[in-house]
N, C-alpha and C. Protein backbone atom coordinates (compact mmCIF):
# COMPACT_ATOMS: atom_id res chain seq x y z
N UNK A 1 91.08 37.49 -149.69
CA UNK A 1 91.89 37.91 -149.86
C UNK A 1 91.92 39.16 -149.61
N UNK A 2 92.71 39.49 -149.40
CA UNK A 2 93.35 40.82 -148.22
C UNK A 2 93.62 42.20 -149.68
N UNK A 3 93.66 42.81 -149.69
CA UNK A 3 94.40 43.99 -150.51
C UNK A 3 94.40 45.59 -149.61
N UNK A 4 95.82 45.74 -149.39
CA UNK A 4 96.03 47.24 -148.60
C UNK A 4 95.54 47.92 -149.11
N UNK A 5 94.81 49.28 -148.31
CA UNK A 5 94.56 50.42 -149.45
C UNK A 5 95.04 51.61 -148.22
N UNK A 6 94.71 52.34 -148.23
CA UNK A 6 94.83 53.61 -147.58
C UNK A 6 94.10 53.91 -145.77
N UNK A 7 94.63 54.56 -145.20
CA UNK A 7 94.35 54.79 -143.69
C UNK A 7 93.87 56.09 -143.47
N UNK A 8 92.75 55.71 -142.99
CA UNK A 8 92.21 57.50 -142.12
C UNK A 8 91.89 57.02 -140.31
N UNK A 9 91.36 58.20 -140.05
CA UNK A 9 91.03 58.57 -138.39
C UNK A 9 89.47 58.44 -138.54
N UNK A 10 89.17 57.46 -138.23
CA UNK A 10 87.83 57.03 -137.24
C UNK A 10 87.42 57.70 -135.94
N UNK A 11 86.50 57.37 -136.01
CA UNK A 11 85.98 57.50 -134.17
C UNK A 11 86.64 57.43 -133.12
N UNK A 12 87.46 55.22 -133.39
CA UNK A 12 87.97 54.71 -132.70
C UNK A 12 88.99 54.56 -132.77
N UNK A 13 89.95 56.02 -133.49
CA UNK A 13 91.03 55.57 -133.98
C UNK A 13 91.93 55.44 -134.95
N UNK A 14 93.02 55.44 -135.16
CA UNK A 14 94.07 55.29 -136.88
C UNK A 14 92.98 53.71 -137.24
N UNK A 15 92.15 53.67 -138.24
CA UNK A 15 91.70 52.61 -139.27
C UNK A 15 92.15 52.66 -139.96
N UNK A 16 92.37 51.85 -141.42
CA UNK A 16 93.10 51.18 -142.24
C UNK A 16 91.99 50.28 -143.32
N UNK A 17 91.93 51.15 -144.22
CA UNK A 17 91.03 50.35 -145.43
C UNK A 17 91.54 49.64 -145.71
N UNK A 18 90.57 48.22 -145.90
CA UNK A 18 90.94 47.08 -147.31
C UNK A 18 90.42 47.04 -148.32
N UNK A 19 90.49 45.88 -148.95
CA UNK A 19 89.38 45.51 -149.59
C UNK A 19 89.77 43.89 -149.10
N UNK A 20 88.62 43.61 -149.34
CA UNK A 20 88.57 42.30 -148.82
C UNK A 20 87.37 41.39 -149.81
N UNK A 21 87.52 40.28 -150.80
CA UNK A 21 87.33 39.14 -150.51
C UNK A 21 86.25 38.19 -149.97
N UNK A 22 84.79 37.89 -149.77
CA UNK A 22 84.35 36.96 -148.88
C UNK A 22 83.30 36.37 -150.48
N UNK A 23 82.31 35.00 -149.94
CA UNK A 23 81.81 34.31 -150.58
C UNK A 23 80.53 34.72 -150.24
N UNK A 24 79.62 34.42 -150.85
CA UNK A 24 78.62 34.79 -150.97
C UNK A 24 77.14 34.61 -150.28
N UNK A 25 77.70 33.79 -149.06
CA UNK A 25 77.17 33.30 -148.41
C UNK A 25 77.60 34.27 -147.31
N UNK A 26 78.77 34.65 -146.67
CA UNK A 26 79.29 35.31 -145.82
C UNK A 26 79.25 36.70 -145.82
N UNK A 27 78.76 36.98 -147.47
CA UNK A 27 78.31 38.34 -147.71
C UNK A 27 76.33 39.11 -146.94
N UNK A 28 76.17 38.22 -147.59
CA UNK A 28 74.46 37.95 -146.83
C UNK A 28 74.52 37.80 -145.43
N UNK A 29 75.04 36.94 -144.93
CA UNK A 29 74.93 37.23 -143.71
C UNK A 29 75.43 38.62 -143.04
N UNK A 30 76.63 39.14 -143.68
CA UNK A 30 77.17 40.61 -142.99
C UNK A 30 75.95 41.43 -143.20
N UNK A 31 75.03 41.15 -144.58
CA UNK A 31 74.45 42.36 -144.78
C UNK A 31 73.10 42.26 -143.76
N UNK A 32 72.58 40.80 -143.16
CA UNK A 32 71.45 39.99 -142.74
C UNK A 32 71.63 41.00 -141.90
N UNK A 33 73.14 40.94 -141.26
CA UNK A 33 73.36 41.64 -139.59
C UNK A 33 72.88 42.52 -139.71
N UNK A 34 73.03 43.72 -140.96
CA UNK A 34 73.56 45.00 -140.91
C UNK A 34 72.00 45.20 -140.62
N UNK A 35 71.13 44.94 -141.53
CA UNK A 35 69.65 44.92 -141.67
C UNK A 35 69.43 44.41 -140.31
N UNK A 36 69.49 43.44 -139.67
CA UNK A 36 68.83 43.65 -138.62
C UNK A 36 69.22 44.48 -137.13
N UNK A 37 70.01 45.61 -137.49
CA UNK A 37 70.09 46.60 -136.02
C UNK A 37 71.97 45.99 -135.58
N UNK A 38 71.93 44.61 -135.83
CA UNK A 38 73.17 44.29 -135.00
C UNK A 38 74.48 44.75 -135.20
N UNK A 39 74.67 45.56 -136.33
CA UNK A 39 75.90 46.03 -136.37
C UNK A 39 75.36 47.11 -137.41
N UNK A 40 76.37 48.32 -137.17
CA UNK A 40 75.91 49.54 -138.22
C UNK A 40 76.03 49.13 -139.41
N UNK A 41 76.92 48.20 -139.48
CA UNK A 41 77.83 48.62 -140.81
C UNK A 41 78.52 47.55 -141.15
N UNK A 42 78.66 46.91 -142.49
CA UNK A 42 79.54 45.70 -142.81
C UNK A 42 80.93 46.18 -142.31
N UNK A 43 81.65 47.13 -142.31
CA UNK A 43 82.78 47.35 -141.51
C UNK A 43 83.03 46.67 -139.89
N UNK A 44 81.86 47.77 -139.43
CA UNK A 44 81.49 46.98 -138.16
C UNK A 44 81.54 45.48 -137.65
N UNK A 45 80.49 44.83 -138.36
CA UNK A 45 80.89 43.42 -138.31
C UNK A 45 81.82 42.58 -138.55
N UNK A 46 82.64 42.81 -139.92
CA UNK A 46 83.86 42.36 -139.84
C UNK A 46 84.42 42.39 -138.85
N UNK A 47 84.98 43.57 -138.56
CA UNK A 47 85.63 43.97 -137.08
C UNK A 47 85.55 43.52 -135.82
N UNK A 48 84.03 43.84 -135.38
CA UNK A 48 83.96 42.65 -134.11
C UNK A 48 84.10 41.42 -134.51
N UNK A 49 84.06 40.39 -136.26
CA UNK A 49 84.57 38.71 -136.02
C UNK A 49 86.17 38.79 -135.87
N UNK A 50 86.41 39.89 -136.23
CA UNK A 50 88.07 39.62 -136.10
C UNK A 50 88.64 39.72 -134.43
N UNK A 51 87.78 40.83 -134.32
CA UNK A 51 87.84 40.58 -132.41
C UNK A 51 87.85 39.84 -131.83
N UNK A 52 86.44 38.57 -131.88
CA UNK A 52 86.25 37.69 -131.17
C UNK A 52 87.31 36.53 -131.60
N UNK A 53 87.98 36.60 -132.97
CA UNK A 53 88.82 35.69 -133.56
C UNK A 53 90.18 36.32 -132.59
N UNK A 54 90.62 36.80 -132.52
CA UNK A 54 91.59 37.40 -131.53
C UNK A 54 91.59 36.64 -130.46
N UNK A 55 90.90 37.49 -129.38
CA UNK A 55 90.39 36.94 -128.06
C UNK A 55 90.79 36.09 -128.02
N UNK A 56 89.36 35.30 -128.55
CA UNK A 56 90.05 33.85 -128.84
C UNK A 56 91.43 32.92 -128.61
N UNK A 57 91.81 33.65 -129.68
CA UNK A 57 93.79 33.33 -129.92
C UNK A 57 94.54 33.27 -128.95
N UNK A 58 94.23 34.48 -128.21
CA UNK A 58 94.92 34.51 -126.71
C UNK A 58 94.23 33.83 -125.80
N UNK A 59 93.31 33.35 -125.80
CA UNK A 59 92.60 33.13 -124.51
C UNK A 59 93.10 31.41 -124.33
N UNK A 60 93.65 30.72 -125.87
CA UNK A 60 93.67 29.47 -126.12
C UNK A 60 95.20 29.52 -125.96
N UNK A 61 95.77 29.94 -126.33
CA UNK A 61 97.02 30.41 -126.23
C UNK A 61 97.81 30.40 -124.50
N UNK A 62 96.87 31.32 -123.62
CA UNK A 62 97.28 31.71 -122.92
C UNK A 62 96.83 30.16 -122.00
N UNK A 63 95.84 29.24 -121.97
CA UNK A 63 95.71 27.60 -121.82
C UNK A 63 96.36 26.62 -121.76
N UNK A 64 96.89 26.79 -123.56
CA UNK A 64 98.16 26.08 -123.59
C UNK A 64 99.36 26.32 -122.73
N UNK A 65 99.45 27.41 -122.29
CA UNK A 65 100.78 27.73 -121.57
C UNK A 65 100.60 27.43 -119.91
N UNK A 66 99.27 27.69 -120.05
CA UNK A 66 99.28 27.78 -118.20
C UNK A 66 99.15 25.90 -117.75
N UNK A 67 98.66 25.25 -119.03
CA UNK A 67 99.22 23.82 -118.85
C UNK A 67 100.13 23.07 -118.45
N UNK A 68 100.79 23.96 -119.01
CA UNK A 68 102.46 23.69 -118.78
C UNK A 68 102.88 24.05 -117.26
N UNK A 69 102.46 24.56 -116.42
CA UNK A 69 102.65 24.78 -115.18
C UNK A 69 102.53 23.47 -114.47
N UNK A 70 103.55 22.97 -113.69
CA UNK A 70 103.63 21.91 -113.03
C UNK A 70 103.01 22.61 -111.10
N UNK A 71 102.64 22.44 -110.78
CA UNK A 71 101.62 22.36 -110.01
C UNK A 71 102.68 22.99 -108.32
N UNK A 72 102.96 21.14 -108.20
CA UNK A 72 104.48 20.91 -107.45
C UNK A 72 105.59 22.42 -107.38
N UNK A 73 106.28 22.34 -108.54
CA UNK A 73 107.01 22.81 -108.96
C UNK A 73 107.16 24.51 -108.77
N UNK A 74 105.40 24.57 -109.33
CA UNK A 74 105.17 26.15 -109.01
C UNK A 74 105.36 26.87 -107.11
N UNK A 75 104.46 25.53 -106.67
CA UNK A 75 104.31 25.58 -105.17
C UNK A 75 105.90 25.91 -104.67
N UNK A 76 106.74 25.31 -104.95
CA UNK A 76 108.11 25.33 -104.44
C UNK A 76 108.53 26.83 -104.89
N UNK A 77 108.62 26.85 -105.68
CA UNK A 77 109.61 28.36 -105.76
C UNK A 77 108.57 29.39 -105.35
N UNK A 78 107.47 29.49 -105.11
CA UNK A 78 106.82 29.99 -104.47
C UNK A 78 107.02 30.09 -103.00
N UNK A 79 107.23 28.88 -102.23
CA UNK A 79 107.02 29.31 -101.15
C UNK A 79 108.75 29.44 -100.73
N UNK A 80 109.41 29.00 -101.56
CA UNK A 80 110.84 30.12 -101.69
C UNK A 80 110.85 31.58 -101.32
N UNK A 81 110.53 32.14 -102.30
CA UNK A 81 110.02 33.57 -101.69
C UNK A 81 109.02 33.98 -100.61
N UNK A 82 108.61 33.08 -99.73
CA UNK A 82 107.97 33.59 -98.40
C UNK A 82 108.61 33.51 -97.61
N UNK A 83 109.47 32.85 -97.96
CA UNK A 83 110.34 32.62 -96.29
C UNK A 83 109.94 31.39 -95.25
N UNK A 84 109.64 32.31 -94.03
CA UNK A 84 109.35 31.66 -93.13
C UNK A 84 107.62 31.21 -93.12
N UNK A 85 106.73 32.31 -94.29
CA UNK A 85 105.16 32.52 -94.22
C UNK A 85 105.14 31.04 -94.25
N UNK A 86 103.94 30.27 -94.60
CA UNK A 86 103.60 28.77 -94.94
C UNK A 86 102.55 29.02 -96.16
N UNK A 87 102.77 28.58 -97.55
CA UNK A 87 102.01 28.41 -98.25
C UNK A 87 100.54 27.93 -98.24
N UNK A 88 99.40 28.56 -98.67
CA UNK A 88 98.15 27.90 -98.05
C UNK A 88 97.91 26.68 -99.27
N UNK A 89 96.95 26.00 -98.61
CA UNK A 89 97.05 24.78 -99.10
C UNK A 89 95.72 25.16 -100.34
N UNK A 90 95.65 24.64 -101.44
CA UNK A 90 94.85 24.68 -102.82
C UNK A 90 94.57 23.64 -104.08
């Protein structure tokens, strides 16, 4: 559960402070990562996790869209734009 709070300026630009409810195991993992020096604090660890999920989602969406491309149709469209130049085989 996320609850909106206030916004303030941080070293990486504008950030928003929120309240987050997590299970005990997740909190223990966060605290361990901070103790081990992997992250300076819980906020940075959570931000990193969200960033990783966001990037994964973008790559997955791109892969789904690329899978829809028909190579023969793509080649035909490209050749139309090249005029007399030959399209290299791939």
